[in-house]
Amino acid sequence: MKKWAVLSVMALGLAVLSWSAQAQDSKPKWTIKEIMKKYPKLVGKVNKGEGTDEEKKELVALVKGLWENTPKKGDAEAWKTRTASILKEAEAGEKGGFKVGTDCKGCHNLHKGK
């Protein structure tokens, strides 16, 4: 009986550790605020065709970071839809001519917290 109790506690401990590791992995790499410090300048440069391959990859990573975050206000599903569309554009643009979404006001009106 003691063996089962010890095994149960060990299994529970492993489950908690596993859940904790997954929770840490799901946290976005950057906050929306951190992304927005780089995104406007970088997207403008890349859309003009002046971005390097490294900058294109960084732009894709930033857009993915937006998609992984949750906005301070507004509908979270609308956020996911908008950022998924921009991510799709960025990933396609990484392979050829960039034209990534720049409707900043559209997102800010709906999702930017005050």
C-alpha atoms as a PDB file:
ATOM      1  CA  MET A   1       0.000   0.000   0.000  1.00  0.00           C
ATOM      2  CA  LYS A   2       2.866   2.349   0.843  1.00  0.00           C
ATOM      3  CA  LYS A   3       4.372   1.761  -2.612  1.00  0.00           C
ATOM      4  CA  TRP A   4       1.157   2.907  -4.304  1.00  0.00           C
ATOM      5  CA  ALA A   5       1.015   6.037  -2.187  1.00  0.00           C
ATOM      6  CA  VAL A   6       4.633   6.899  -3.015  1.00  0.00           C
ATOM      7  CA  LEU A   7       4.090   6.172  -6.715  1.00  0.00           C
ATOM      8  CA  SER A   8       0.932   8.295  -6.736  1.00  0.00           C
ATOM      9  CA  VAL A   9       2.737  11.233  -5.144  1.00  0.00           C
ATOM     10  CA  MET A  10       5.618  10.874  -7.613  1.00  0.00           C
ATOM     11  CA  ALA A  11       3.207  10.731 -10.563  1.00  0.00           C
ATOM     12  CA  LEU A  12       1.393  13.817  -9.304  1.00  0.00           C
ATOM     13  CA  GLY A  13       4.704  15.608  -8.889  1.00  0.00           C
ATOM     14  CA  LEU A  14       5.747  14.766 -12.442  1.00  0.00           C
ATOM     15  CA  ALA A  15       2.375  15.941 -13.756  1.00  0.00           C
ATOM     16  CA  VAL A  16       2.761  19.283 -11.958  1.00  0.00           C
ATOM     17  CA  LEU A  17       6.307  19.736 -13.279  1.00  0.00           C
ATOM     18  CA  SER A  18       5.170  18.914 -16.804  1.00  0.00           C
ATOM     19  CA  TRP A  19       2.266  21.357 -16.576  1.00  0.00           C
ATOM     20  CA  SER A  20       4.585  24.052 -15.197  1.00  0.00           C
ATOM     21  CA  ALA A  21       7.041  23.586 -18.070  1.00  0.00           C
ATOM     22  CA  GLN A  22       4.235  23.852 -20.622  1.00  0.00           C
ATOM     23  CA  ALA A  23       2.923  27.018 -18.979  1.00  0.00           C
ATOM     24  CA  GLN A  24       6.365  28.606 -19.204  1.00  0.00           C
ATOM     25  CA  ASP A  25       6.740  27.590 -22.861  1.00  0.00           C
ATOM     26  CA  SER A  26       3.401  29.133 -23.780  1.00  0.00           C
ATOM     27  CA  LYS A  27       4.378  32.574 -22.461  1.00  0.00           C
ATOM     28  CA  PRO A  28       5.136  34.930 -25.381  1.00  0.00           C
ATOM     29  CA  LYS A  29       8.769  35.832 -25.910  1.00  0.00           C
ATOM     30  CA  TRP A  30       7.981  39.579 -26.052  1.00  0.00           C
ATOM     31  CA  THR A  31       5.179  41.810 -24.843  1.00  0.00           C
ATOM     32  CA  ILE A  32       3.078  43.775 -27.328  1.00  0.00           C
ATOM     33  CA  LYS A  33       4.768  46.961 -26.114  1.00  0.00           C
ATOM     34  CA  GLU A  34       8.243  45.530 -26.811  1.00  0.00           C
ATOM     35  CA  ILE A  35       7.169  44.412 -30.278  1.00  0.00           C
ATOM     36  CA  MET A  36       5.656  47.790 -31.122  1.00  0.00           C
ATOM     37  CA  LYS A  37       8.978  49.504 -30.400  1.00  0.00           C
ATOM     38  CA  LYS A  38      10.479  47.700 -33.413  1.00  0.00           C
ATOM     39  CA  TYR A  39       7.565  46.756 -35.687  1.00  0.00           C
ATOM     40  CA  PRO A  40       6.622  50.109 -37.351  1.00  0.00           C
ATOM     41  CA  LYS A  41      10.150  50.979 -38.463  1.00  0.00           C
ATOM     42  CA  LEU A  42      10.998  47.420 -39.491  1.00  0.00           C
ATOM     43  CA  VAL A  43       7.777  46.777 -41.442  1.00  0.00           C
ATOM     44  CA  GLY A  44       8.222  50.063 -43.310  1.00  0.00           C
ATOM     45  CA  LYS A  45      11.781  49.174 -44.285  1.00  0.00           C
ATOM     46  CA  VAL A  46      10.940  45.625 -45.330  1.00  0.00           C
ATOM     47  CA  ASN A  47       7.808  46.642 -47.277  1.00  0.00           C
ATOM     48  CA  LYS A  48       9.934  49.113 -49.277  1.00  0.00           C
ATOM     49  CA  GLY A  49      12.235  46.239 -50.248  1.00  0.00           C
ATOM     50  CA  GLU A  50      15.128  47.607 -48.214  1.00  0.00           C
ATOM     51  CA  GLY A  51      15.188  44.911 -45.530  1.00  0.00           C
ATOM     52  CA  THR A  52      17.862  42.251 -45.269  1.00  0.00           C
ATOM     53  CA  ASP A  53      17.014  38.553 -44.988  1.00  0.00           C
ATOM     54  CA  GLU A  54      17.776  38.782 -41.275  1.00  0.00           C
ATOM     55  CA  GLU A  55      15.365  41.704 -40.878  1.00  0.00           C
ATOM     56  CA  LYS A  56      12.667  39.769 -42.738  1.00  0.00           C
ATOM     57  CA  LYS A  57      13.091  36.878 -40.311  1.00  0.00           C
ATOM     58  CA  GLU A  58      12.955  39.279 -37.384  1.00  0.00           C
ATOM     59  CA  LEU A  59       9.725  40.777 -38.748  1.00  0.00           C
ATOM     60  CA  VAL A  60       8.146  37.325 -39.002  1.00  0.00           C
ATOM     61  CA  ALA A  61       9.228  36.610 -35.392  1.00  0.00           C
ATOM     62  CA  LEU A  62       7.749  39.919 -34.209  1.00  0.00           C
ATOM     63  CA  VAL A  63       4.429  39.259 -35.948  1.00  0.00           C
ATOM     64  CA  LYS A  64       4.365  35.767 -34.458  1.00  0.00           C
ATOM     65  CA  GLY A  65       4.948  37.412 -31.090  1.00  0.00           C
ATOM     66  CA  LEU A  66       1.916  39.635 -31.668  1.00  0.00           C
ATOM     67  CA  TRP A  67      -0.175  36.596 -32.503  1.00  0.00           C
ATOM     68  CA  GLU A  68       0.970  34.823 -29.321  1.00  0.00           C
ATOM     69  CA  ASN A  69      -0.026  37.763 -27.100  1.00  0.00           C
ATOM     70  CA  THR A  70      -3.449  38.798 -25.828  1.00  0.00           C
ATOM     71  CA  PRO A  71      -4.513  42.442 -26.200  1.00  0.00           C
ATOM     72  CA  LYS A  72      -5.373  44.620 -23.204  1.00  0.00           C
ATOM     73  CA  LYS A  73      -8.817  45.359 -24.592  1.00  0.00           C
ATOM     74  CA  GLY A  74     -11.134  44.225 -27.336  1.00  0.00           C
ATOM     75  CA  ASP A  75     -12.122  40.805 -28.600  1.00  0.00           C
ATOM     76  CA  ALA A  76      -9.294  38.262 -28.268  1.00  0.00           C
ATOM     77  CA  GLU A  77     -10.643  36.243 -31.238  1.00  0.00           C
ATOM     78  CA  ALA A  78     -10.590  39.350 -33.457  1.00  0.00           C
ATOM     79  CA  TRP A  79      -6.987  39.906 -32.339  1.00  0.00           C
ATOM     80  CA  LYS A  80      -6.033  36.333 -33.251  1.00  0.00           C
ATOM     81  CA  THR A  81      -7.715  36.679 -36.654  1.00  0.00           C
ATOM     82  CA  ARG A  82      -6.007  39.996 -37.475  1.00  0.00           C
ATOM     83  CA  THR A  83      -2.568  38.916 -36.299  1.00  0.00           C
ATOM     84  CA  ALA A  84      -2.876  35.521 -38.024  1.00  0.00           C
ATOM     85  CA  SER A  85      -3.573  37.332 -41.287  1.00  0.00           C
ATOM     86  CA  ILE A  86      -0.528  39.568 -40.806  1.00  0.00           C
ATOM     87  CA  LEU A  87       1.586  36.534 -39.880  1.00  0.00           C
ATOM     88  CA  LYS A  88       0.489  34.763 -43.059  1.00  0.00           C
ATOM     89  CA  GLU A  89       1.506  37.830 -45.099  1.00  0.00           C
ATOM     90  CA  ALA A  90       4.861  38.025 -43.326  1.00  0.00           C
ATOM     91  CA  GLU A  91       5.627  34.325 -43.806  1.00  0.00           C
ATOM     92  CA  ALA A  92       4.703  34.549 -47.500  1.00  0.00           C
ATOM     93  CA  GLY A  93       6.729  37.736 -47.847  1.00  0.00           C
ATOM     94  CA  GLU A  94       9.797  36.131 -46.351  1.00  0.00           C
ATOM     95  CA  LYS A  95       9.927  33.932 -49.461  1.00  0.00           C
ATOM     96  CA  GLY A  96       9.280  36.775 -51.908  1.00  0.00           C
ATOM     97  CA  GLY A  97       8.032  40.378 -52.189  1.00  0.00           C
ATOM     98  CA  PHE A  98       6.942  41.708 -48.837  1.00  0.00           C
ATOM     99  CA  LYS A  99       3.733  43.624 -48.313  1.00  0.00           C
ATOM    100  CA  VAL A 100       2.871  43.164 -44.659  1.00  0.00           C
ATOM    101  CA  GLY A 101      -0.145  44.801 -43.023  1.00  0.00           C
ATOM    102  CA  THR A 102       0.320  48.306 -41.738  1.00  0.00           C
ATOM    103  CA  ASP A 103      -3.198  49.275 -40.645  1.00  0.00           C
ATOM    104  CA  CYS A 104      -1.901  50.344 -37.252  1.00  0.00           C
ATOM    105  CA  LYS A 105      -4.895  52.501 -36.381  1.00  0.00           C
ATOM    106  CA  GLY A 106      -7.306  49.638 -37.103  1.00  0.00           C
ATOM    107  CA  CYS A 107      -5.719  47.453 -34.424  1.00  0.00           C
ATOM    108  CA  HIS A 108      -5.003  50.299 -32.003  1.00  0.00           C
ATOM    109  CA  ASN A 109      -8.619  51.480 -32.024  1.00  0.00           C
ATOM    110  CA  LEU A 110      -9.841  48.002 -31.172  1.00  0.00           C
ATOM    111  CA  HIS A 111      -7.133  46.581 -28.945  1.00  0.00           C
ATOM    112  CA  LYS A 112      -4.743  49.128 -27.488  1.00  0.00           C
ATOM    113  CA  GLY A 113      -5.160  49.629 -23.760  1.00  0.00           C
ATOM    114  CA  LYS A 114      -4.949  53.049 -22.205  1.00  0.00           C
END
